[in-house]
């Protein structure tokens, strides 16, 4: 993943939470001044991750 941008669709590739299955997709909706990245899951719900967590656990969805 080169650069994280708002509007990007990402796919979870590592198990981070038992409620979110690997392969789930999300859209990045906001990046705050502290580099917290807010996402909307495609099946509903929201999440917040650091840039490091995004780079480690997600890939750009095809």
N, C-alpha and C. Protein backbone atom coordinates (compact mmCIF):
# COMPACT_ATOMS: atom_id res chain seq x y z
N UNK A 1 0.86 -1.17 0.00
CA UNK A 1 0.00 0.00 0.00
C UNK A 1 0.91 1.23 0.00
N UNK A 2 0.79 2.03 -1.04
CA UNK A 2 1.67 3.18 -1.17
C UNK A 2 1.29 4.32 -0.24
N UNK A 3 0.10 4.83 -0.41
CA UNK A 3 -0.34 5.97 0.39
C UNK A 3 -1.80 5.77 0.76
N UNK A 4 -2.13 6.01 2.00
CA UNK A 4 -3.50 5.87 2.48
C UNK A 4 -4.22 7.18 2.22
N UNK A 5 -5.37 7.09 1.54
CA UNK A 5 -6.14 8.29 1.22
C UNK A 5 -7.62 8.06 1.51
N UNK A 6 -8.32 9.14 1.77
CA UNK A 6 -9.76 9.08 1.99
C UNK A 6 -10.42 8.59 0.70
N UNK A 7 -11.40 7.72 0.85
CA UNK A 7 -12.11 7.15 -0.28
C UNK A 7 -11.57 5.81 -0.73
N UNK A 8 -10.39 5.45 -0.26
CA UNK A 8 -9.78 4.18 -0.62
C UNK A 8 -10.56 3.02 0.00
N UNK A 9 -10.75 1.96 -0.77
CA UNK A 9 -11.37 0.74 -0.26
C UNK A 9 -10.26 -0.23 0.11
N UNK A 10 -10.35 -0.75 1.33
CA UNK A 10 -9.33 -1.67 1.82
C UNK A 10 -9.97 -2.98 2.25
N UNK A 11 -9.15 -4.05 2.25
CA UNK A 11 -9.64 -5.37 2.61
C UNK A 11 -8.80 -5.92 3.76
N UNK A 12 -9.48 -6.45 4.77
CA UNK A 12 -8.80 -7.03 5.93
C UNK A 12 -8.13 -8.34 5.53
N UNK A 13 -6.84 -8.48 5.82
CA UNK A 13 -6.12 -9.70 5.45
C UNK A 13 -5.61 -10.49 6.66
N UNK A 14 -5.74 -9.92 7.85
CA UNK A 14 -5.32 -10.61 9.07
C UNK A 14 -6.44 -10.54 10.10
N UNK A 15 -6.54 -11.55 10.92
CA UNK A 15 -7.58 -11.59 11.95
C UNK A 15 -7.24 -10.60 13.06
N UNK A 16 -8.08 -9.57 13.21
CA UNK A 16 -7.83 -8.56 14.26
C UNK A 16 -8.92 -8.55 15.31
N UNK A 17 -10.09 -9.12 14.97
CA UNK A 17 -11.23 -9.09 15.87
C UNK A 17 -12.16 -10.23 15.48
N UNK A 18 -12.62 -10.98 16.45
CA UNK A 18 -13.47 -12.13 16.15
C UNK A 18 -14.79 -11.73 15.50
N UNK A 19 -15.20 -10.48 15.61
CA UNK A 19 -16.46 -10.01 15.02
C UNK A 19 -16.30 -9.56 13.57
N UNK A 20 -15.07 -9.42 13.11
CA UNK A 20 -14.81 -8.94 11.75
C UNK A 20 -14.05 -10.02 11.00
N UNK A 21 -14.70 -10.70 10.06
CA UNK A 21 -14.01 -11.78 9.35
C UNK A 21 -12.95 -11.27 8.38
N UNK A 22 -11.89 -12.05 8.23
CA UNK A 22 -10.87 -11.76 7.23
C UNK A 22 -11.55 -11.71 5.87
N UNK A 23 -11.18 -10.76 5.05
CA UNK A 23 -11.80 -10.57 3.74
C UNK A 23 -12.83 -9.46 3.72
N UNK A 24 -13.20 -8.96 4.91
CA UNK A 24 -14.14 -7.84 4.99
C UNK A 24 -13.52 -6.61 4.36
N UNK A 25 -14.37 -5.79 3.74
CA UNK A 25 -13.88 -4.57 3.12
C UNK A 25 -14.43 -3.34 3.85
N UNK A 26 -13.70 -2.25 3.69
CA UNK A 26 -14.08 -0.99 4.32
C UNK A 26 -13.61 0.15 3.45
N UNK A 27 -14.21 1.31 3.66
CA UNK A 27 -13.81 2.53 2.97
C UNK A 27 -13.25 3.51 3.99
N UNK A 28 -12.11 4.09 3.67
CA UNK A 28 -11.52 5.10 4.54
C UNK A 28 -12.32 6.38 4.37
N UNK A 29 -12.86 6.90 5.48
CA UNK A 29 -13.72 8.08 5.41
C UNK A 29 -13.10 9.34 5.99
N UNK A 30 -12.08 9.20 6.84
CA UNK A 30 -11.51 10.39 7.47
C UNK A 30 -10.15 10.05 8.06
N UNK A 31 -9.22 10.98 7.95
CA UNK A 31 -7.91 10.86 8.61
C UNK A 31 -7.73 12.14 9.42
N UNK A 32 -7.59 11.98 10.75
CA UNK A 32 -7.50 13.18 11.59
C UNK A 32 -6.07 13.71 11.69
N UNK A 33 -5.90 14.79 12.43
CA UNK A 33 -4.59 15.43 12.58
C UNK A 33 -3.58 14.58 13.33
N UNK A 34 -4.06 13.54 14.01
CA UNK A 34 -3.18 12.65 14.78
C UNK A 34 -2.95 11.34 14.03
N UNK A 35 -3.27 11.32 12.74
CA UNK A 35 -3.12 10.16 11.87
C UNK A 35 -3.95 8.96 12.30
N UNK A 36 -5.06 9.21 12.97
CA UNK A 36 -6.04 8.16 13.22
C UNK A 36 -6.89 8.05 11.97
N UNK A 37 -7.10 6.82 11.51
CA UNK A 37 -7.82 6.58 10.27
C UNK A 37 -9.17 5.97 10.61
N UNK A 38 -10.22 6.62 10.16
CA UNK A 38 -11.59 6.18 10.44
C UNK A 38 -12.14 5.50 9.20
N UNK A 39 -12.78 4.34 9.40
CA UNK A 39 -13.31 3.58 8.28
C UNK A 39 -14.77 3.23 8.51
N UNK A 40 -15.47 3.00 7.40
CA UNK A 40 -16.82 2.46 7.43
C UNK A 40 -16.74 1.05 6.83
N UNK A 41 -17.12 0.05 7.62
CA UNK A 41 -17.15 -1.33 7.12
C UNK A 41 -18.28 -1.47 6.11
N UNK A 42 -18.08 -2.27 5.08
CA UNK A 42 -19.09 -2.42 4.03
C UNK A 42 -20.35 -3.12 4.55
N UNK A 43 -20.23 -3.90 5.61
CA UNK A 43 -21.40 -4.59 6.16
C UNK A 43 -22.01 -3.82 7.34
N UNK A 44 -21.60 -2.58 7.52
CA UNK A 44 -22.12 -1.74 8.60
C UNK A 44 -21.11 -1.59 9.72
N UNK A 45 -21.19 -0.52 10.42
CA UNK A 45 -20.28 -0.27 11.53
C UNK A 45 -19.10 0.58 11.10
N UNK A 46 -18.39 1.03 12.11
CA UNK A 46 -17.25 1.89 11.88
C UNK A 46 -16.06 1.39 12.69
N UNK A 47 -14.89 1.85 12.32
CA UNK A 47 -13.68 1.48 13.04
C UNK A 47 -12.68 2.62 12.99
N UNK A 48 -11.68 2.53 13.85
CA UNK A 48 -10.61 3.53 13.91
C UNK A 48 -9.30 2.79 14.08
N UNK A 49 -8.33 3.10 13.25
CA UNK A 49 -7.04 2.43 13.28
C UNK A 49 -5.93 3.45 13.09
N UNK A 50 -4.73 3.07 13.51
CA UNK A 50 -3.55 3.88 13.22
C UNK A 50 -3.06 3.51 11.82
N UNK A 51 -2.22 4.35 11.27
CA UNK A 51 -1.64 4.06 9.96
C UNK A 51 -0.88 2.73 10.00
N UNK A 52 -0.15 2.50 11.07
CA UNK A 52 0.62 1.26 11.22
C UNK A 52 -0.31 0.04 11.18
N UNK A 53 -1.44 0.12 11.87
CA UNK A 53 -2.40 -1.00 11.88
C UNK A 53 -2.98 -1.23 10.48
N UNK A 54 -3.27 -0.16 9.77
CA UNK A 54 -3.80 -0.29 8.41
C UNK A 54 -2.78 -0.98 7.51
N UNK A 55 -1.55 -0.51 7.55
CA UNK A 55 -0.51 -1.08 6.70
C UNK A 55 -0.23 -2.54 7.03
N UNK A 56 -0.34 -2.91 8.27
CA UNK A 56 -0.03 -4.26 8.73
C UNK A 56 -1.18 -5.25 8.48
N UNK A 57 -2.42 -4.80 8.55
CA UNK A 57 -3.56 -5.72 8.55
C UNK A 57 -4.49 -5.63 7.35
N UNK A 58 -4.26 -4.67 6.46
CA UNK A 58 -5.15 -4.46 5.32
C UNK A 58 -4.36 -4.41 4.02
N UNK A 59 -5.08 -4.62 2.91
CA UNK A 59 -4.51 -4.38 1.58
C UNK A 59 -5.57 -3.63 0.78
N UNK A 60 -5.13 -3.03 -0.32
CA UNK A 60 -6.07 -2.32 -1.17
C UNK A 60 -6.98 -3.35 -1.83
N UNK A 61 -8.28 -3.12 -1.73
CA UNK A 61 -9.25 -4.06 -2.31
C UNK A 61 -9.23 -3.92 -3.83
N UNK A 62 -9.32 -5.04 -4.48
CA UNK A 62 -9.30 -5.05 -5.96
C UNK A 62 -10.65 -4.68 -6.53
